[in-house]
PDB file of N, CA and C in Angstrom:
ATOM      1  N   UNK A   1      -7.755   1.502  16.985  1.00  0.00           N
ATOM      2  CA  UNK A   1      -8.418   2.538  16.218  1.00  0.00           C
ATOM      3  C   UNK A   1      -7.486   3.729  15.990  1.00  0.00           C
ATOM      4  N   UNK A   2      -6.675   4.069  17.008  1.00  0.00           N
ATOM      5  CA  UNK A   2      -5.768   5.211  16.876  1.00  0.00           C
ATOM      6  C   UNK A   2      -4.700   4.937  15.820  1.00  0.00           C
ATOM      7  N   UNK A   3      -4.190   3.701  15.802  1.00  0.00           N
ATOM      8  CA  UNK A   3      -3.174   3.344  14.807  1.00  0.00           C
ATOM      9  C   UNK A   3      -3.755   3.459  13.402  1.00  0.00           C
ATOM     10  N   UNK A   4      -4.952   2.939  13.205  1.00  0.00           N
ATOM     11  CA  UNK A   4      -5.596   3.011  11.893  1.00  0.00           C
ATOM     12  C   UNK A   4      -5.817   4.468  11.476  1.00  0.00           C
ATOM     13  N   UNK A   5      -6.244   5.301  12.403  1.00  0.00           N
ATOM     14  CA  UNK A   5      -6.465   6.717  12.091  1.00  0.00           C
ATOM     15  C   UNK A   5      -5.162   7.396  11.678  1.00  0.00           C
ATOM     16  N   UNK A   6      -4.054   6.994  12.277  1.00  0.00           N
ATOM     17  CA  UNK A   6      -2.760   7.578  11.910  1.00  0.00           C
ATOM     18  C   UNK A   6      -2.270   7.050  10.557  1.00  0.00           C
ATOM     19  N   UNK A   7      -2.592   5.788  10.254  1.00  0.00           N
ATOM     20  CA  UNK A   7      -2.135   5.175   9.005  1.00  0.00           C
ATOM     21  C   UNK A   7      -2.908   5.644   7.772  1.00  0.00           C
ATOM     22  N   UNK A   8      -4.208   5.816   7.900  1.00  0.00           N
ATOM     23  CA  UNK A   8      -5.046   6.094   6.728  1.00  0.00           C
ATOM     24  C   UNK A   8      -4.532   7.236   5.850  1.00  0.00           C
ATOM     25  N   UNK A   9      -4.171   8.398   6.394  1.00  0.00           N
ATOM     26  CA  UNK A   9      -3.688   9.453   5.495  1.00  0.00           C
ATOM     27  C   UNK A   9      -2.333   9.138   4.858  1.00  0.00           C
ATOM     28  N   UNK A  10      -1.579   8.231   5.453  1.00  0.00           N
ATOM     29  CA  UNK A  10      -0.259   7.886   4.916  1.00  0.00           C
ATOM     30  C   UNK A  10      -0.344   6.974   3.699  1.00  0.00           C
ATOM     31  N   UNK A  11      -1.430   6.211   3.590  1.00  0.00           N
ATOM     32  CA  UNK A  11      -1.545   5.232   2.502  1.00  0.00           C
ATOM     33  C   UNK A  11      -2.665   5.570   1.526  1.00  0.00           C
ATOM     34  N   UNK A  12      -3.220   6.746   1.630  1.00  0.00           N
ATOM     35  CA  UNK A  12      -4.292   7.169   0.724  1.00  0.00           C
ATOM     36  C   UNK A  12      -3.778   7.167  -0.715  1.00  0.00           C
ATOM     37  N   UNK A  13      -4.625   6.769  -1.648  1.00  0.00           N
ATOM     38  CA  UNK A  13      -4.224   6.674  -3.054  1.00  0.00           C
ATOM     39  C   UNK A  13      -5.385   7.162  -3.908  1.00  0.00           C
ATOM     40  N   UNK A  14      -5.082   7.881  -4.953  1.00  0.00           N
ATOM     41  CA  UNK A  14      -6.093   8.324  -5.915  1.00  0.00           C
ATOM     42  C   UNK A  14      -5.566   8.040  -7.315  1.00  0.00           C
ATOM     43  N   UNK A  15      -6.479   7.802  -8.216  1.00  0.00           N
ATOM     44  CA  UNK A  15      -6.075   7.595  -9.609  1.00  0.00           C
ATOM     45  C   UNK A  15      -5.337   8.823 -10.123  1.00  0.00           C
ATOM     46  N   UNK A  16      -4.291   8.623 -10.911  1.00  0.00           N
ATOM     47  CA  UNK A  16      -3.577   9.768 -11.491  1.00  0.00           C
ATOM     48  C   UNK A  16      -4.495  10.548 -12.437  1.00  0.00           C
ATOM     49  N   UNK A  17      -4.221  11.834 -12.601  1.00  0.00           N
ATOM     50  CA  UNK A  17      -4.978  12.656 -13.553  1.00  0.00           C
ATOM     51  C   UNK A  17      -4.944  12.001 -14.929  1.00  0.00           C
ATOM     52  N   UNK A  18      -6.088  11.951 -15.568  1.00  0.00           N
ATOM     53  CA  UNK A  18      -6.170  11.403 -16.911  1.00  0.00           C
ATOM     54  C   UNK A  18      -6.373   9.897 -16.969  1.00  0.00           C
ATOM     55  N   UNK A  19      -6.293   9.214 -15.830  1.00  0.00           N
ATOM     56  CA  UNK A  19      -6.490   7.756 -15.824  1.00  0.00           C
ATOM     57  C   UNK A  19      -7.975   7.442 -15.968  1.00  0.00           C
ATOM     58  N   UNK A  20      -8.262   6.390 -16.698  1.00  0.00           N
ATOM     59  CA  UNK A  20      -9.639   5.950 -16.882  1.00  0.00           C
ATOM     60  C   UNK A  20     -10.206   5.450 -15.557  1.00  0.00           C
ATOM     61  N   UNK A  21     -11.469   5.768 -15.305  1.00  0.00           N
ATOM     62  CA  UNK A  21     -12.124   5.263 -14.097  1.00  0.00           C
ATOM     63  C   UNK A  21     -12.635   3.838 -14.309  1.00  0.00           C
ATOM     64  N   UNK A  22     -12.555   3.355 -15.537  1.00  0.00           N
ATOM     65  CA  UNK A  22     -12.902   1.973 -15.864  1.00  0.00           C
ATOM     66  C   UNK A  22     -11.808   1.412 -16.774  1.00  0.00           C
ATOM     67  N   UNK A  23     -10.597   1.246 -16.233  1.00  0.00           N
ATOM     68  CA  UNK A  23      -9.474   0.825 -17.076  1.00  0.00           C
ATOM     69  C   UNK A  23      -9.573  -0.633 -17.509  1.00  0.00           C
ATOM     70  N   UNK A  24      -9.057  -0.900 -18.701  1.00  0.00           N
ATOM     71  CA  UNK A  24      -8.899  -2.285 -19.156  1.00  0.00           C
ATOM     72  C   UNK A  24      -7.828  -2.926 -18.279  1.00  0.00           C
ATOM     73  N   UNK A  25      -7.710  -4.247 -18.335  1.00  0.00           N
ATOM     74  CA  UNK A  25      -6.747  -4.954 -17.486  1.00  0.00           C
ATOM     75  C   UNK A  25      -5.321  -4.440 -17.669  1.00  0.00           C
ATOM     76  N   UNK A  26      -4.907  -4.211 -18.915  1.00  0.00           N
ATOM     77  CA  UNK A  26      -3.542  -3.725 -19.163  1.00  0.00           C
ATOM     78  C   UNK A  26      -3.343  -2.333 -18.567  1.00  0.00           C
ATOM     79  N   UNK A  27      -4.370  -1.486 -18.669  1.00  0.00           N
ATOM     80  CA  UNK A  27      -4.279  -0.145 -18.076  1.00  0.00           C
ATOM     81  C   UNK A  27      -4.180  -0.235 -16.554  1.00  0.00           C
ATOM     82  N   UNK A  28      -4.960  -1.134 -15.969  1.00  0.00           N
ATOM     83  CA  UNK A  28      -4.940  -1.310 -14.515  1.00  0.00           C
ATOM     84  C   UNK A  28      -3.545  -1.719 -14.050  1.00  0.00           C
ATOM     85  N   UNK A  29      -2.933  -2.668 -14.758  1.00  0.00           N
ATOM     86  CA  UNK A  29      -1.585  -3.125 -14.390  1.00  0.00           C
ATOM     87  C   UNK A  29      -0.534  -2.035 -14.564  1.00  0.00           C
ATOM     88  N   UNK A  30      -0.794  -1.080 -15.459  1.00  0.00           N
ATOM     89  CA  UNK A  30       0.197  -0.032 -15.710  1.00  0.00           C
ATOM     90  C   UNK A  30       0.075   1.160 -14.754  1.00  0.00           C
ATOM     91  N   UNK A  31      -0.966   1.193 -13.949  1.00  0.00           N
ATOM     92  CA  UNK A  31      -1.116   2.304 -13.006  1.00  0.00           C
ATOM     93  C   UNK A  31      -0.010   2.249 -11.954  1.00  0.00           C
ATOM     94  N   UNK A  32       0.418   3.400 -11.464  1.00  0.00           N
ATOM     95  CA  UNK A  32       1.514   3.412 -10.489  1.00  0.00           C
ATOM     96  C   UNK A  32       1.120   2.796  -9.155  1.00  0.00           C
ATOM     97  N   UNK A  33       2.115   2.273  -8.482  1.00  0.00           N
ATOM     98  CA  UNK A  33       1.971   1.784  -7.117  1.00  0.00           C
ATOM     99  C   UNK A  33       2.600   2.835  -6.210  1.00  0.00           C
ATOM    100  N   UNK A  34       2.164   2.880  -4.972  1.00  0.00           N
ATOM    101  CA  UNK A  34       2.713   3.854  -4.025  1.00  0.00           C
ATOM    102  C   UNK A  34       3.428   3.115  -2.901  1.00  0.00           C
ATOM    103  N   UNK A  35       4.605   3.599  -2.545  1.00  0.00           N
ATOM    104  CA  UNK A  35       5.396   3.024  -1.459  1.00  0.00           C
ATOM    105  C   UNK A  35       5.381   4.007  -0.296  1.00  0.00           C
ATOM    106  N   UNK A  36       5.228   3.486   0.908  1.00  0.00           N
ATOM    107  CA  UNK A  36       5.185   4.327   2.101  1.00  0.00           C
ATOM    108  C   UNK A  36       6.203   3.846   3.114  1.00  0.00           C
ATOM    109  N   UNK A  37       6.936   4.775   3.661  1.00  0.00           N
ATOM    110  CA  UNK A  37       7.767   4.515   4.843  1.00  0.00           C
ATOM    111  C   UNK A  37       7.535   5.699   5.761  1.00  0.00           C
ATOM    112  N   UNK A  38       7.096   5.430   6.977  1.00  0.00           N
ATOM    113  CA  UNK A  38       6.789   6.531   7.889  1.00  0.00           C
ATOM    114  C   UNK A  38       7.104   6.140   9.321  1.00  0.00           C
ATOM    115  N   UNK A  39       7.505   7.130  10.086  1.00  0.00           N
ATOM    116  CA  UNK A  39       7.684   6.970  11.526  1.00  0.00           C
ATOM    117  C   UNK A  39       6.396   7.473  12.171  1.00  0.00           C
ATOM    118  N   UNK A  40       5.792   6.625  13.004  1.00  0.00           N
ATOM    119  CA  UNK A  40       4.530   6.976  13.645  1.00  0.00           C
ATOM    120  C   UNK A  40       4.769   7.723  14.955  1.00  0.00           C
ATOM    121  N   UNK A  41       3.706   8.241  15.527  1.00  0.00           N
ATOM    122  CA  UNK A  41       3.813   9.074  16.727  1.00  0.00           C
ATOM    123  C   UNK A  41       4.416   8.343  17.922  1.00  0.00           C
ATOM    124  N   UNK A  42       4.293   7.017  17.965  1.00  0.00           N
ATOM    125  CA  UNK A  42       4.863   6.255  19.087  1.00  0.00           C
ATOM    126  C   UNK A  42       6.298   5.808  18.820  1.00  0.00           C
ATOM    127  N   UNK A  43       6.867   6.229  17.684  1.00  0.00           N
ATOM    128  CA  UNK A  43       8.238   5.863  17.343  1.00  0.00           C
ATOM    129  C   UNK A  43       8.348   4.587  16.532  1.00  0.00           C
ATOM    130  N   UNK A  44       7.255   3.844  16.394  1.00  0.00           N
ATOM    131  CA  UNK A  44       7.276   2.660  15.533  1.00  0.00           C
ATOM    132  C   UNK A  44       7.247   3.137  14.087  1.00  0.00           C
ATOM    133  N   UNK A  45       7.438   2.219  13.156  1.00  0.00           N
ATOM    134  CA  UNK A  45       7.482   2.584  11.741  1.00  0.00           C
ATOM    135  C   UNK A  45       6.562   1.679  10.942  1.00  0.00           C
ATOM    136  N   UNK A  46       6.231   2.128   9.757  1.00  0.00           N
ATOM    137  CA  UNK A  46       5.479   1.302   8.817  1.00  0.00           C
ATOM    138  C   UNK A  46       6.150   1.369   7.456  1.00  0.00           C
ATOM    139  N   UNK A  47       6.123   0.241   6.788  1.00  0.00           N
ATOM    140  CA  UNK A  47       6.534   0.136   5.395  1.00  0.00           C
ATOM    141  C   UNK A  47       5.302  -0.397   4.683  1.00  0.00           C
ATOM    142  N   UNK A  48       4.897   0.238   3.603  1.00  0.00           N
ATOM    143  CA  UNK A  48       3.683  -0.205   2.938  1.00  0.00           C
ATOM    144  C   UNK A  48       3.721   0.003   1.446  1.00  0.00           C
ATOM    145  N   UNK A  49       2.838  -0.710   0.782  1.00  0.00           N
ATOM    146  CA  UNK A  49       2.697  -0.616  -0.673  1.00  0.00           C
ATOM    147  C   UNK A  49       1.212  -0.591  -0.993  1.00  0.00           C
ATOM    148  N   UNK A  50       0.797   0.374  -1.790  1.00  0.00           N
ATOM    149  CA  UNK A  50      -0.589   0.475  -2.229  1.00  0.00           C
ATOM    150  C   UNK A  50      -0.612   0.279  -3.734  1.00  0.00           C
ATOM    151  N   UNK A  51      -1.476  -0.620  -4.179  1.00  0.00           N
ATOM    152  CA  UNK A  51      -1.565  -0.932  -5.604  1.00  0.00           C
ATOM    153  C   UNK A  51      -3.026  -0.932  -6.038  1.00  0.00           C
ATOM    154  N   UNK A  52      -3.300  -0.471  -7.260  1.00  0.00           N
ATOM    155  CA  UNK A  52      -4.663  -0.545  -7.769  1.00  0.00           C
ATOM    156  C   UNK A  52      -5.054  -2.004  -7.988  1.00  0.00           C
ATOM    157  N   UNK A  53      -6.336  -2.287  -7.790  1.00  0.00           N
ATOM    158  CA  UNK A  53      -6.848  -3.655  -7.957  1.00  0.00           C
ATOM    159  C   UNK A  53      -8.216  -3.570  -8.623  1.00  0.00           C
ATOM    160  N   UNK A  54      -8.611  -4.631  -9.273  1.00  0.00           N
ATOM    161  CA  UNK A  54      -9.911  -4.684  -9.939  1.00  0.00           C
ATOM    162  C   UNK A  54     -11.006  -4.674  -8.875  1.00  0.00           C
ATOM    163  N   UNK A  55     -11.981  -3.809  -9.069  1.00  0.00           N
ATOM    164  CA  UNK A  55     -13.108  -3.725  -8.155  1.00  0.00           C
ATOM    165  C   UNK A  55     -14.341  -4.360  -8.767  1.00  0.00           C
ATOM    166  N   UNK A  56     -15.500  -3.958  -8.264  1.00  0.00           N
ATOM    167  CA  UNK A  56     -16.763  -4.476  -8.794  1.00  0.00           C
ATOM    168  C   UNK A  56     -17.433  -3.391  -9.635  1.00  0.00           C
ATOM    169  N   UNK A  57     -18.671  -3.601 -10.008  1.00  0.00           N
ATOM    170  CA  UNK A  57     -19.368  -2.657 -10.882  1.00  0.00           C
ATOM    171  C   UNK A  57     -19.531  -1.265 -10.302  1.00  0.00           C
ATOM    172  N   UNK A  58     -19.723  -1.157  -8.988  1.00  0.00           N
ATOM    173  CA  UNK A  58     -19.915   0.160  -8.379  1.00  0.00           C
ATOM    174  C   UNK A  58     -18.598   0.903  -8.190  1.00  0.00           C
ATOM    175  N   UNK A  59     -17.518   0.178  -8.085  1.00  0.00           N
ATOM    176  CA  UNK A  59     -16.175   0.775  -7.943  1.00  0.00           C
ATOM    177  C   UNK A  59     -15.211  -0.076  -8.760  1.00  0.00           C
ATOM    178  N   UNK A  60     -15.098   0.186 -10.069  1.00  0.00           N
ATOM    179  CA  UNK A  60     -14.299  -0.672 -10.941  1.00  0.00           C
ATOM    180  C   UNK A  60     -12.818  -0.717 -10.603  1.00  0.00           C
ATOM    181  N   UNK A  61     -12.330   0.290  -9.889  1.00  0.00           N
ATOM    182  CA  UNK A  61     -10.941   0.267  -9.432  1.00  0.00           C
ATOM    183  C   UNK A  61     -10.949   0.459  -7.923  1.00  0.00           C
ATOM    184  N   UNK A  62     -10.311  -0.457  -7.254  1.00  0.00           N
ATOM    185  CA  UNK A  62     -10.118  -0.342  -5.809  1.00  0.00           C
ATOM    186  C   UNK A  62      -8.622  -0.299  -5.574  1.00  0.00           C
ATOM    187  N   UNK A  63      -8.242  -0.101  -4.343  1.00  0.00           N
ATOM    188  CA  UNK A  63      -6.823  -0.042  -4.007  1.00  0.00           C
ATOM    189  C   UNK A  63      -6.560  -0.968  -2.846  1.00  0.00           C
ATOM    190  N   UNK A  64      -5.512  -1.759  -2.972  1.00  0.00           N
ATOM    191  CA  UNK A  64      -5.125  -2.681  -1.906  1.00  0.00           C
ATOM    192  C   UNK A  64      -3.839  -2.165  -1.277  1.00  0.00           C
ATOM    193  N   UNK A  65      -3.857  -2.009   0.032  1.00  0.00           N
ATOM    194  CA  UNK A  65      -2.671  -1.568   0.755  1.00  0.00           C
ATOM    195  C   UNK A  65      -2.202  -2.677   1.677  1.00  0.00           C
ATOM    196  N   UNK A  66      -0.931  -2.996   1.589  1.00  0.00           N
ATOM    197  CA  UNK A  66      -0.285  -3.991   2.454  1.00  0.00           C
ATOM    198  C   UNK A  66       0.737  -3.215   3.275  1.00  0.00           C
ATOM    199  N   UNK A  67       0.550  -3.193   4.588  1.00  0.00           N
ATOM    200  CA  UNK A  67       1.425  -2.438   5.483  1.00  0.00           C
ATOM    201  C   UNK A  67       2.058  -3.391   6.483  1.00  0.00           C
ATOM    202  N   UNK A  68       3.342  -3.189   6.726  1.00  0.00           N
ATOM    203  CA  UNK A  68       4.062  -3.941   7.759  1.00  0.00           C
ATOM    204  C   UNK A  68       4.407  -2.952   8.868  1.00  0.00           C
ATOM    205  N   UNK A  69       3.967  -3.270  10.078  1.00  0.00           N
ATOM    206  CA  UNK A  69       4.231  -2.425  11.251  1.00  0.00           C
ATOM    207  C   UNK A  69       5.509  -2.918  11.918  1.00  0.00           C
ATOM    208  N   UNK A  70       6.442  -2.007  12.136  1.00  0.00           N
ATOM    209  CA  UNK A  70       7.742  -2.357  12.710  1.00  0.00           C
ATOM    210  C   UNK A  70       7.869  -1.649  14.056  1.00  0.00           C
ATOM    211  N   UNK A  71       7.905  -2.417  15.143  1.00  0.00           N
ATOM    212  CA  UNK A  71       8.005  -1.787  16.465  1.00  0.00           C
ATOM    213  C   UNK A  71       9.265  -0.936  16.606  1.00  0.00           C
ATOM    214  N   UNK A  72       9.192   0.014  17.496  1.00  0.00           N
ATOM    215  CA  UNK A  72      10.331   0.891  17.800  1.00  0.00           C
ATOM    216  C   UNK A  72      11.541   0.030  18.161  1.00  0.00           C
ATOM    217  N   UNK A  73      12.697   0.416  17.701  1.00  0.00           N
ATOM    218  CA  UNK A  73      13.985  -0.236  17.994  1.00  0.00           C
ATOM    219  C   UNK A  73      14.160  -1.600  17.341  1.00  0.00           C
ATOM    220  N   UNK A  74      13.241  -2.018  16.487  1.00  0.00           N
ATOM    221  CA  UNK A  74      13.386  -3.293  15.776  1.00  0.00           C
ATOM    222  C   UNK A  74      13.841  -2.969  14.352  1.00  0.00           C
ATOM    223  N   UNK A  75      14.992  -3.514  13.929  1.00  0.00           N
ATOM    224  CA  UNK A  75      15.465  -3.216  12.573  1.00  0.00           C
ATOM    225  C   UNK A  75      14.666  -3.987  11.520  1.00  0.00           C
ATOM    226  N   UNK A  76      14.727  -3.515  10.312  1.00  0.00           N
ATOM    227  CA  UNK A  76      14.161  -4.294   9.211  1.00  0.00           C
ATOM    228  C   UNK A  76      14.992  -5.561   9.060  1.00  0.00           C
ATOM    229  N   UNK A  77      14.404  -6.650   8.569  1.00  0.00           N
ATOM    230  CA  UNK A  77      15.172  -7.887   8.397  1.00  0.00           C
ATOM    231  C   UNK A  77      16.447  -7.643   7.592  1.00  0.00           C
ATOM    232  N   UNK A  78      17.542  -8.173   8.075  1.00  0.00           N
ATOM    233  CA  UNK A  78      18.819  -8.027   7.381  1.00  0.00           C
ATOM    234  C   UNK A  78      19.363  -6.613   7.425  1.00  0.00           C
ATOM    235  N   UNK A  79      18.841  -5.786   8.337  1.00  0.00           N
ATOM    236  CA  UNK A  79      19.239  -4.371   8.432  1.00  0.00           C
ATOM    237  C   UNK A  79      19.111  -3.643   7.099  1.00  0.00           C
ATOM    238  N   UNK A  80      18.110  -4.033   6.319  1.00  0.00           N
ATOM    239  CA  UNK A  80      17.900  -3.414   5.007  1.00  0.00           C
ATOM    240  C   UNK A  80      17.343  -2.005   5.152  1.00  0.00           C
ATOM    241  N   UNK A  81      17.518  -1.228   4.114  1.00  0.00           N
ATOM    242  CA  UNK A  81      16.896   0.089   4.039  1.00  0.00           C
ATOM    243  C   UNK A  81      15.437  -0.083   3.621  1.00  0.00           C
ATOM    244  N   UNK A  82      14.534   0.762   4.076  1.00  0.00           N
ATOM    245  CA  UNK A  82      13.125   0.622   3.702  1.00  0.00           C
ATOM    246  C   UNK A  82      12.901   0.563   2.194  1.00  0.00           C
ATOM    247  N   UNK A  83      13.623   1.359   1.421  1.00  0.00           N
ATOM    248  CA  UNK A  83      13.417   1.391  -0.024  1.00  0.00           C
ATOM    249  C   UNK A  83      13.741   0.046  -0.681  1.00  0.00           C
ATOM    250  N   UNK A  84      14.535  -0.788  -0.027  1.00  0.00           N
ATOM    251  CA  UNK A  84      14.857  -2.106  -0.586  1.00  0.00           C
ATOM    252  C   UNK A  84      13.632  -3.023  -0.622  1.00  0.00           C
ATOM    253  N   UNK A  85      12.584  -2.673   0.117  1.00  0.00           N
ATOM    254  CA  UNK A  85      11.358  -3.478   0.119  1.00  0.00           C
ATOM    255  C   UNK A  85      10.448  -3.149  -1.061  1.00  0.00           C
ATOM    256  N   UNK A  86      10.760  -2.093  -1.799  1.00  0.00           N
ATOM    257  CA  UNK A  86       9.871  -1.598  -2.852  1.00  0.00           C
ATOM    258  C   UNK A  86       9.429  -2.679  -3.833  1.00  0.00           C
ATOM    259  N   UNK A  87      10.324  -3.429  -4.383  1.00  0.00           N
ATOM    260  CA  UNK A  87       9.973  -4.440  -5.389  1.00  0.00           C
ATOM    261  C   UNK A  87       9.942  -5.860  -4.821  1.00  0.00           C
ATOM    262  N   UNK A  88       9.781  -5.979  -3.530  1.00  0.00           N
ATOM    263  CA  UNK A  88       9.765  -7.291  -2.891  1.00  0.00           C
ATOM    264  C   UNK A  88       8.631  -8.155  -3.443  1.00  0.00           C
ATOM    265  N   UNK A  89       8.914  -9.426  -3.624  1.00  0.00           N
ATOM    266  CA  UNK A  89       7.891 -10.374  -4.078  1.00  0.00           C
ATOM    267  C   UNK A  89       6.931 -10.744  -2.948  1.00  0.00           C
ATOM    268  N   UNK A  90       7.190 -10.284  -1.742  1.00  0.00           N
ATOM    269  CA  UNK A  90       6.368 -10.648  -0.586  1.00  0.00           C
ATOM    270  C   UNK A  90       5.138  -9.762  -0.401  1.00  0.00           C
ATOM    271  N   UNK A  91       5.021  -8.686  -1.157  1.00  0.00           N
ATOM    272  CA  UNK A  91       3.842  -7.839  -1.027  1.00  0.00           C
ATOM    273  C   UNK A  91       2.615  -8.582  -1.536  1.00  0.00           C
ATOM    274  N   UNK A  92       1.536  -8.486  -0.809  1.00  0.00           N
ATOM    275  CA  UNK A  92       0.267  -9.088  -1.209  1.00  0.00           C
ATOM    276  C   UNK A  92      -0.463  -8.067  -2.079  1.00  0.00           C
ATOM    277  N   UNK A  93      -1.008  -8.511  -3.201  1.00  0.00           N
ATOM    278  CA  UNK A  93      -1.641  -7.590  -4.151  1.00  0.00           C
ATOM    279  C   UNK A  93      -3.160  -7.594  -4.105  1.00  0.00           C
ATOM    280  N   UNK A  94      -3.735  -8.442  -3.273  1.00  0.00           N
ATOM    281  CA  UNK A  94      -5.189  -8.499  -3.165  1.00  0.00           C
ATOM    282  C   UNK A  94      -5.564  -8.775  -1.717  1.00  0.00           C
ATOM    283  N   UNK A  95      -6.715  -8.297  -1.331  1.00  0.00           N
ATOM    284  CA  UNK A  95      -7.186  -8.520   0.028  1.00  0.00           C
ATOM    285  C   UNK A  95      -7.483  -9.998   0.223  1.00  0.00           C
ATOM    286  N   UNK A  96      -6.954 -10.609   1.294  1.00  0.00           N
ATOM    287  CA  UNK A  96      -7.232 -12.021   1.543  1.00  0.00           C
ATOM    288  C   UNK A  96      -8.731 -12.256   1.762  1.00  0.00           C
ATOM    289  N   UNK A  97      -9.203 -13.430   1.408  1.00  0.00           N
ATOM    290  CA  UNK A  97     -10.606 -13.783   1.606  1.00  0.00           C
ATOM    291  C   UNK A  97     -10.935 -13.627   3.090  1.00  0.00           C
ATOM    292  N   UNK A  98     -12.007 -12.926   3.368  1.00  0.00           N
ATOM    293  CA  UNK A  98     -12.414 -12.696   4.750  1.00  0.00           C
ATOM    294  C   UNK A  98     -11.673 -11.555   5.418  1.00  0.00           C
ATOM    295  N   UNK A  99     -10.733 -10.887   4.666  1.00  0.00           N
ATOM    296  CA  UNK A  99      -9.926  -9.816   5.258  1.00  0.00           C
ATOM    297  C   UNK A  99     -10.474  -8.523   5.017  1.00  0.00           C
TER     298      UNK A  99
END
């Protein structure tokens, strides 16, 4: 619970000013994604990506956040810089079924 409480403000996302609250599919795809890299209070790190996703009738736009938790003293794979993960094909863009 403490980890989640620390993460939530780091990955918060809001529609940009002027964006439609009921965007067409092309508009939804054109909305910005947010990248997060942060050092947490215990010294571990997170790399994350938040992207807008199609919601239901009550919330036509939702946001999906995929975060990777990296323990303290563990390097990123290949000693990469966090920003190199920005356009990675490994980010999940939708919440898994049951997730």
